[in-house]
Protein backbone atom coordinates (compact mmCIF):
# COMPACT_ATOMS: atom_id res chain seq x y z
CA MET A 1 0.00 0.00 0.00
CA ALA A 2 1.21 3.50 -0.84
CA THR A 3 1.93 5.59 2.24
CA ARG A 4 2.76 9.22 2.68
CA ASN A 5 6.46 9.60 3.48
CA GLY A 6 6.63 5.80 3.63
CA ARG A 7 4.91 5.71 7.04
CA LYS A 8 1.57 4.39 8.26
CA PRO A 9 1.81 2.97 11.79
CA CYS A 10 -1.41 0.94 11.88
CA THR A 11 -4.20 -0.66 9.91
CA VAL A 12 -6.73 1.95 8.80
CA ILE A 13 -10.44 1.33 8.33
CA ASP A 14 -12.53 4.19 7.02
CA ALA A 15 -15.73 3.99 9.08
CA ASP A 16 -17.70 6.29 6.79
CA GLY A 17 -17.01 6.74 3.09
CA HIS A 18 -19.57 7.38 0.35
CA VAL A 19 -20.55 6.64 -3.20
CA TYR A 20 -22.43 8.96 -5.52
CA GLU A 21 -25.16 6.87 -7.09
CA PRO A 22 -24.95 6.46 -10.89
CA ALA A 23 -27.85 6.36 -13.33
CA ALA A 24 -27.29 2.61 -13.67
CA ILE A 25 -29.16 2.04 -10.41
CA TRP A 26 -32.36 3.30 -12.01
CA ASN A 27 -31.69 2.28 -15.62
CA GLU A 28 -30.17 -1.16 -15.10
CA TYR A 29 -30.49 -2.46 -11.55
CA LEU A 30 -34.08 -1.36 -10.88
CA GLU A 31 -36.50 -4.07 -11.94
CA THR A 32 -38.14 -3.22 -15.26
CA ALA A 33 -41.66 -3.28 -13.86
CA TYR A 34 -40.77 -0.51 -11.38
CA ARG A 35 -39.01 1.90 -13.73
CA VAL A 36 -42.16 3.78 -14.71
CA PRO A 37 -43.54 4.23 -11.17
CA ALA A 38 -40.04 5.08 -9.91
CA ARG A 39 -39.89 8.00 -12.36
CA SER A 40 -42.45 9.78 -10.22
CA ALA A 41 -41.44 8.32 -6.82
CA PHE A 42 -37.64 8.85 -6.82
CA TRP A 43 -35.53 9.33 -9.92
CA HIS A 44 -32.21 11.10 -10.40
CA GLU A 45 -30.39 11.89 -13.64
CA VAL A 46 -27.86 14.35 -15.04
CA ASP A 47 -28.09 15.76 -18.57
CA ARG A 48 -25.19 16.33 -20.97
CA GLU A 49 -24.69 19.88 -19.71
CA GLY A 50 -24.28 18.61 -16.16
CA ASN A 51 -27.67 19.77 -14.93
CA ALA A 52 -29.04 17.41 -12.30
CA ILE A 53 -32.71 16.73 -11.78
CA THR A 54 -34.31 14.73 -9.00
CA ILE A 55 -37.96 13.73 -9.06
CA LEU A 56 -39.41 12.98 -5.65
CA ASN A 57 -43.04 12.02 -5.00
CA GLY A 58 -44.23 13.47 -8.27
CA ARG A 59 -42.40 16.79 -8.03
CA VAL A 60 -39.02 18.22 -8.89
CA ALA A 61 -37.03 18.16 -5.64
CA PRO A 62 -34.44 20.76 -4.61
CA GLU A 63 -30.94 19.62 -5.46
CA MET A 64 -28.26 19.05 -2.85
CA ASN A 65 -26.02 21.57 -4.65
CA ARG A 66 -26.79 25.15 -5.55
CA SER A 67 -24.36 25.24 -8.44
CA LYS A 68 -22.85 22.91 -11.03
CA LEU A 69 -20.18 21.95 -8.52
CA ASN A 70 -21.06 18.47 -7.25
CA ARG A 71 -19.59 18.80 -3.77
CA GLN A 72 -20.63 15.28 -2.79
CA ALA A 73 -18.28 13.70 -5.35
CA VAL A 74 -15.56 16.24 -6.11
CA TRP A 75 -12.77 15.45 -3.62
CA ARG A 76 -9.67 13.56 -4.72
CA PRO A 77 -6.53 12.61 -2.78
CA GLY A 78 -4.29 15.62 -2.31
CA MET A 79 -7.07 18.21 -2.35
CA THR A 80 -7.24 20.68 0.53
CA PRO A 81 -9.95 23.04 1.78
CA GLU A 82 -8.14 25.79 -0.13
CA THR A 83 -8.24 23.93 -3.45
CA ILE A 84 -11.88 22.98 -2.90
CA GLY A 85 -12.76 26.58 -2.09
CA ALA A 86 -11.01 27.80 -5.23
CA LEU A 87 -13.17 25.68 -7.55
CA ASP A 88 -15.45 27.62 -9.87
CA PRO A 89 -19.07 26.88 -8.82
CA HIS A 90 -20.29 27.86 -12.29
CA ALA A 91 -18.02 25.40 -14.09
CA LEU A 92 -18.61 21.68 -14.39
CA PRO A 93 -15.69 19.79 -12.88
CA ALA A 94 -15.72 16.05 -13.43
CA ILE A 95 -16.74 14.04 -10.40
CA ASN A 96 -14.22 11.71 -8.83
CA PRO A 97 -14.51 8.38 -10.70
CA GLY A 98 -14.07 6.58 -7.38
CA ALA A 99 -17.55 7.77 -6.42
CA HIS A 100 -19.00 5.06 -8.65
CA GLU A 101 -16.07 3.07 -10.06
CA PRO A 102 -14.48 0.62 -7.59
CA GLY A 103 -11.11 0.43 -9.34
CA ALA A 104 -10.62 4.18 -9.06
CA ARG A 105 -11.75 4.10 -5.45
CA LEU A 106 -9.30 1.38 -4.50
CA ARG A 107 -6.47 3.44 -6.02
CA ASP A 108 -7.62 6.46 -4.04
CA MET A 109 -7.76 4.36 -0.88
CA ASP A 110 -4.14 3.37 -1.43
CA ALA A 111 -3.17 7.03 -1.77
CA MET A 112 -5.18 7.91 1.36
CA GLY A 113 -3.63 5.17 3.50
CA ILE A 114 -6.91 3.26 3.84
CA ASP A 115 -6.96 -0.53 4.10
CA ALA A 116 -10.75 -0.99 4.09
CA ALA A 117 -13.77 1.30 3.89
CA VAL A 118 -17.43 1.07 4.91
CA ILE A 119 -19.52 2.58 2.12
CA PHE A 120 -22.67 4.66 2.48
CA PRO A 121 -25.10 6.25 0.01
CA THR A 122 -25.41 9.94 -0.84
CA LEU A 123 -28.59 10.45 -2.90
CA PHE A 124 -30.27 7.52 -1.18
CA ALA A 125 -29.31 9.06 2.16
CA GLU A 126 -30.93 12.39 1.35
CA TYR A 127 -34.00 11.52 -0.71
CA PHE A 128 -34.88 7.86 -0.19
CA PRO A 129 -36.29 8.20 3.38
CA VAL A 130 -39.04 10.58 2.20
CA VAL A 131 -40.26 8.50 -0.77
CA GLU A 132 -43.94 7.88 -0.11
CA ASN A 133 -44.75 4.76 -2.16
CA PRO A 134 -43.67 1.81 0.03
CA ASP A 135 -43.76 -0.73 -2.81
CA VAL A 136 -41.46 1.40 -4.95
CA THR A 137 -39.11 2.01 -2.00
CA SER A 138 -38.74 -1.74 -1.66
CA ALA A 139 -37.73 -2.07 -5.31
CA LEU A 140 -35.39 0.92 -5.11
CA ALA A 141 -33.71 -0.54 -2.04
CA ARG A 142 -33.08 -3.78 -3.90
CA ALA A 143 -31.68 -1.86 -6.87
CA TYR A 144 -29.31 0.23 -4.75
CA ASN A 145 -28.17 -2.75 -2.69
CA ASP A 146 -27.56 -4.92 -5.75
CA TRP A 147 -25.51 -2.12 -7.32
CA VAL A 148 -23.43 -1.36 -4.22
CA PHE A 149 -22.72 -5.05 -3.58
CA ALA A 150 -21.60 -5.38 -7.19
CA TYR A 151 -19.40 -2.30 -6.66
CA ALA A 152 -17.88 -3.86 -3.53
CA SER A 153 -17.31 -7.18 -5.26
CA ALA A 154 -14.22 -5.64 -6.89
CA ASP A 155 -12.48 -6.29 -3.55
CA PRO A 156 -14.85 -7.55 -0.81
CA LYS A 157 -12.09 -7.49 1.81
CA ARG A 158 -11.57 -3.75 1.34
CA LEU A 159 -15.02 -2.48 0.28
CA VAL A 160 -17.80 -3.04 2.83
CA PRO A 161 -21.22 -1.79 1.70
CA ALA A 162 -23.94 -0.61 4.09
CA ALA A 163 -27.34 -1.68 2.75
CA VAL A 164 -30.37 0.62 2.67
CA LEU A 165 -33.72 -0.59 4.02
CA PRO A 166 -37.22 0.56 2.99
CA LEU A 167 -38.37 1.66 6.44
CA GLN A 168 -41.57 3.10 5.01
CA ALA A 169 -43.06 -0.39 5.46
CA ILE A 170 -41.51 -2.61 8.12
CA PRO A 171 -42.43 -5.94 6.46
CA TYR A 172 -40.57 -4.79 3.34
CA ALA A 173 -37.63 -3.63 5.47
CA LEU A 174 -37.46 -7.02 7.19
CA ALA A 175 -37.59 -8.84 3.87
CA GLU A 176 -34.74 -6.73 2.45
CA LEU A 177 -32.72 -7.17 5.64
CA GLU A 178 -32.96 -10.94 5.29
CA ARG A 179 -32.03 -10.75 1.62
CA VAL A 180 -28.89 -8.65 2.13
CA ALA A 181 -27.91 -10.80 5.11
CA ARG A 182 -27.76 -13.75 2.72
CA LEU A 183 -25.42 -11.66 0.56
CA GLY A 184 -23.03 -11.31 3.51
CA CYS A 185 -24.10 -7.83 4.59
CA LYS A 186 -22.18 -6.46 7.58
CA ALA A 187 -23.94 -3.08 7.99
CA VAL A 188 -27.24 -1.34 7.32
CA PHE A 189 -27.80 2.38 6.85
CA LEU A 190 -30.44 3.98 9.09
CA ARG A 191 -31.02 7.71 8.88
CA PRO A 192 -32.21 9.45 12.09
CA ALA A 193 -35.28 10.89 10.41
CA PHE A 194 -39.01 10.23 10.12
CA PHE A 195 -40.09 7.40 7.84
CA ALA A 196 -43.83 7.52 7.11
CA GLY A 197 -44.29 9.47 10.34
CA ARG A 198 -42.16 7.14 12.48
CA PHE A 199 -38.81 7.97 14.05
CA LEU A 200 -36.28 5.19 14.59
CA ASN A 201 -37.41 4.59 18.19
CA HIS A 202 -41.05 4.00 17.21
CA PRO A 203 -42.42 0.68 18.58
CA GLU A 204 -43.35 -0.48 15.07
CA LEU A 205 -39.60 -0.73 14.31
CA ASP A 206 -38.95 -3.10 17.24
CA PRO A 207 -39.07 -6.26 15.07
CA LEU A 208 -36.46 -4.72 12.78
CA TRP A 209 -34.11 -3.80 15.63
CA ARG A 210 -34.46 -7.31 17.08
CA ARG A 211 -33.63 -8.93 13.78
CA ILE A 212 -30.62 -6.67 13.12
CA GLU A 213 -29.32 -7.60 16.57
CA ALA A 214 -29.91 -11.31 16.00
CA LEU A 215 -28.14 -11.24 12.63
CA GLU A 216 -25.16 -9.44 14.24
CA ILE A 217 -25.28 -6.75 11.55
CA THR A 218 -24.09 -3.27 12.52
CA ALA A 219 -26.88 -0.71 12.70
CA CYS A 220 -25.33 2.45 11.25
CA VAL A 221 -27.25 5.56 12.29
CA HIS A 222 -26.09 8.02 9.67
CA PRO A 223 -27.73 11.43 9.10
CA SER A 224 -27.99 13.40 5.89
CA SER A 225 -28.30 17.18 5.78
CA GLY A 226 -32.04 17.01 5.03
CA GLY A 227 -32.02 20.48 3.53
CA THR A 228 -33.88 19.27 0.44
CA ASN A 229 -36.54 17.38 2.40
CA PRO A 230 -39.99 18.41 3.64
CA GLU A 231 -39.87 20.25 6.95
CA TRP A 232 -39.87 18.13 10.12
CA THR A 233 -38.47 15.13 8.28
CA SER A 234 -35.28 16.08 10.11
CA GLU A 235 -33.74 19.34 11.31
CA GLY A 236 -32.12 20.26 7.98
CA SER A 237 -35.14 21.76 6.25
CA PHE A 238 -36.00 23.86 9.31
CA ILE A 239 -32.42 25.14 9.46
CA GLU A 240 -32.54 26.06 5.79
CA ARG A 241 -35.72 28.07 6.29
CA ILE A 242 -33.96 30.10 8.97
CA ALA A 243 -30.84 30.51 6.85
CA ALA A 244 -32.65 31.30 3.59
CA PRO A 245 -31.28 34.88 3.27
CA LEU A 246 -27.67 33.67 3.44
CA GLY A 247 -26.28 33.26 -0.07
CA ILE A 248 -23.17 31.29 0.88
CA GLY A 249 -23.20 28.71 -1.89
CA HIS A 250 -24.10 25.62 0.11
CA PRO A 251 -26.83 24.63 2.58
CA VAL A 252 -26.24 25.84 6.13
CA ALA A 253 -27.83 22.62 7.34
CA GLU A 254 -24.70 20.70 6.36
CA ALA A 255 -22.80 22.42 9.17
CA VAL A 256 -25.15 21.52 12.03
CA ALA A 257 -28.02 19.22 11.00
CA ALA A 258 -26.01 16.01 11.28
CA GLN A 259 -25.07 16.69 14.90
CA MET A 260 -28.61 17.78 15.77
CA ASP A 261 -30.30 14.76 14.19
CA SER A 262 -27.82 12.37 15.79
CA SER A 263 -28.26 14.01 19.18
CA ILE A 264 -32.03 13.69 18.88
CA PHE A 265 -31.62 10.00 18.15
CA MET A 266 -29.29 9.46 21.10
CA THR A 267 -31.62 11.32 23.46
CA ALA A 268 -34.60 9.32 22.21
CA ILE A 269 -32.97 5.93 22.75
CA ALA A 270 -31.68 7.02 26.17
CA PHE A 271 -35.19 7.89 27.34
CA TYR A 272 -36.88 4.90 25.69
CA GLY A 273 -34.44 2.28 26.89
CA HIS A 274 -33.36 1.26 23.40
CA MET A 275 -29.80 0.39 24.43
CA GLU A 276 -31.02 -1.77 27.31
CA GLU A 277 -33.68 -3.43 25.14
CA TYR A 278 -31.07 -4.51 22.57
CA PRO A 279 -27.87 -5.02 24.59
CA ARG A 280 -26.09 -7.01 21.86
CA LEU A 281 -27.05 -4.66 19.02
CA LYS A 282 -23.95 -3.33 17.28
CA LEU A 283 -24.65 0.40 17.06
CA ALA A 284 -22.55 2.88 15.05
CA LEU A 285 -23.17 6.65 15.03
CA LEU A 286 -21.67 8.17 11.90
CA HIS A 287 -21.12 11.34 9.85
CA ALA A 288 -21.79 13.79 12.68
CA GLY A 289 -18.39 13.84 14.33
CA ALA A 290 -17.90 12.64 17.89
CA SER A 291 -17.71 15.82 19.94
CA TRP A 292 -21.48 16.12 20.50
CA LEU A 293 -21.81 12.67 22.08
CA THR A 294 -20.60 13.30 25.62
CA LEU A 295 -22.80 16.37 26.05
CA ALA A 296 -25.88 14.54 24.72
CA LEU A 297 -25.29 11.64 27.10
CA GLU A 298 -24.65 13.93 30.07
CA LYS A 299 -27.81 15.97 29.38
CA SER A 300 -29.87 12.79 29.08
CA GLU A 301 -28.47 11.54 32.37
CA THR A 302 -29.25 14.82 34.14
CA TYR A 303 -32.85 14.92 33.00
CA LEU A 304 -33.45 11.24 33.58
CA TRP A 305 -32.48 11.79 37.21
CA LEU A 306 -34.61 14.94 37.50
CA SER A 307 -37.77 13.67 35.83
CA PHE A 308 -40.39 11.05 36.52
CA GLN A 309 -39.54 8.16 34.22
CA ALA A 310 -42.45 5.90 33.29
CA ILE A 311 -40.24 3.54 31.29
CA PRO A 312 -37.67 1.57 33.32
CA VAL A 313 -34.37 2.65 31.79
CA SER A 314 -30.88 3.21 33.07
CA LEU A 315 -30.30 6.59 34.70
CA GLU A 316 -26.71 6.45 33.45
CA PRO A 317 -26.94 6.24 29.63
CA GLU A 318 -23.27 7.20 29.28
CA HIS A 319 -22.27 4.04 31.14
CA VAL A 320 -24.65 1.97 29.01
CA PHE A 321 -23.33 3.36 25.72
CA PHE A 322 -19.67 2.83 26.53
CA SER A 323 -20.16 -0.66 27.95
CA ARG A 324 -22.08 -2.13 24.98
CA PRO A 325 -21.06 -2.70 21.31
CA SER A 326 -20.92 0.96 20.27
CA LEU A 327 -18.99 3.09 17.80
CA ILE A 328 -18.89 6.77 16.86
CA SER A 329 -17.00 8.23 13.93
CA PHE A 330 -14.74 11.26 14.16
CA ASP A 331 -13.15 13.55 11.60
CA SER A 332 -9.48 14.32 11.06
CA TRP A 333 -9.79 17.81 12.55
CA GLU A 334 -11.59 16.78 15.77
CA THR A 335 -8.93 17.58 18.32
CA SER A 336 -11.46 16.94 21.09
CA VAL A 337 -11.15 13.21 20.37
CA ALA A 338 -7.39 13.40 20.80
CA LYS A 339 -7.70 15.42 24.01
CA LEU A 340 -10.32 13.01 25.37
CA HIS A 341 -8.80 9.83 24.01
CA ASP A 342 -9.46 8.10 27.33
CA VAL A 343 -13.19 8.62 26.61
CA TYR A 344 -13.21 7.79 22.90
CA GLY A 345 -10.38 5.27 22.81
CA LYS A 346 -12.63 2.18 22.73
CA VAL A 347 -15.53 3.56 20.66
CA GLY A 348 -14.03 6.13 18.27
CA ALA A 349 -13.50 5.34 14.58
CA TRP A 350 -11.94 7.64 12.00
CA ALA A 351 -14.02 8.51 8.94
CA SER A 352 -12.86 10.08 5.68
CA ARG A 353 -16.21 11.31 4.20
CA TYR A 354 -14.72 10.47 0.78
CA PRO A 355 -15.51 11.72 -1.86
CA HIS A 356 -17.43 14.62 -0.29
CA HIS A 357 -15.84 18.05 -0.49
CA ASP A 358 -14.84 17.97 3.20
CA ALA A 359 -13.00 14.63 2.94
CA THR A 360 -9.57 14.01 4.49
CA ASP A 361 -7.07 11.17 4.39
CA ALA A 362 -5.75 8.89 7.10
CA PHE A 363 -2.38 10.62 7.32
CA GLU A 364 -3.99 13.88 8.43
CA ALA A 365 -5.94 12.09 11.16
CA ILE A 366 -2.91 10.17 12.39
CA ALA A 367 -0.83 13.35 12.45
CA MET A 368 -3.52 15.12 14.49
CA LEU A 369 -3.70 12.30 17.04
CA GLU A 370 0.08 12.01 17.33
CA SER A 371 0.47 15.78 17.74
CA HIS A 372 -1.56 15.44 20.95
CA GLU A 373 0.63 12.55 22.11
CA VAL A 374 -2.14 9.96 21.94
CA PRO A 375 -0.58 6.56 22.78
CA ALA A 376 0.21 4.38 19.78
CA GLU A 377 -2.18 1.62 20.84
CA VAL A 378 -5.03 4.14 21.11
CA VAL A 379 -4.17 5.60 17.69
CA ALA A 380 -4.39 2.07 16.28
CA ALA A 381 -7.79 1.54 17.90
CA LEU A 382 -9.17 4.87 16.69
CA MET A 383 -7.86 4.45 13.15
CA GLY A 384 -8.96 0.88 12.59
CA GLY A 385 -9.13 -1.45 15.56
CA ASN A 386 -12.50 -0.32 16.90
CA ALA A 387 -14.14 -0.38 13.46
CA SER A 388 -12.60 -3.79 12.74
CA ARG A 389 -14.12 -5.21 15.90
CA LEU A 390 -17.63 -3.78 15.48
CA TYR A 391 -18.06 -4.30 11.74
CA GLY A 392 -16.31 -7.66 11.72
CA ILE A 393 -13.69 -6.52 9.20
CA ALA A 394 -10.38 -8.36 9.24
CA ALA A 395 -7.64 -5.95 10.33
């Protein structure tokens, strides 16, 4: 493996990388009978001039980008915040081929010092949870999962796909969970948002949580910005309404919605006893950084002690989280993880966000940790060991 300056002191597992879904999902992998109804339920395409269009529930949906610059698939190894910021938003730069071509991604992983990567959706993260037709969501989930497993088949030891589930109808979600489990699925993507009026802690999802736990698949709670979604789906659309006058070139929700939605999820499961109900469930919190976690757990603990609690749950959710199979991703610039490595040392997992515009490589993260004199064994755990253990990826 290529390493910067010939040095990489440990195995590196990227706990949260992304693809940018190609047209082939809709045009080739989606079953023929569903292609017409999917055109009005959820369809994404890009014309020859680079103009993207997304159809969602019979209407044109707002795009994730406010210019021709596809920020979700533009980053390449060696790019910095300065080079990203210097890109012309009115031009049409080519997206990183690694966003949808596994060979290119594996080469980028070599350059980034990454041994294996867990792969999450982008368009299916943002739009799929608000698709209204449950039958079509089931077919779309199969199409995405078949495509991403084919993508990962280029090197199954290094590319680990997280499957999407059609949570709009729990029987369909259970059926797809069983199907991807037979394909060797190690992780499922769950966005902390409302699906058909139900949040992830709704009792109707209990059979799904039980089955994920029994199959020993990692439940990956992974937010999206939500800025293009109907209000109250998640916090993103509300944030965008507040920030509407700010012409800054990208949704404000991207800066804060992920932390807010993840914190809401953590608070909900603390008060509803989710972690106690599923003690063997492998739970990963991703794409929101790690710094918010300790405050969310401490606030939950304070108010559990102060309030009448009808549901018998632990009054110390922090202890519960850190003593069960848990993981939380952190970014290369999160110095709080380095300073609190005694807290995060057994649950933290570095994430690249590749190929999103704010991606970083493993060398930057290792340098940050070492600059704060984090012990070598803790660096190894944060950069790969913890993710290897929870996801079941060979280190």
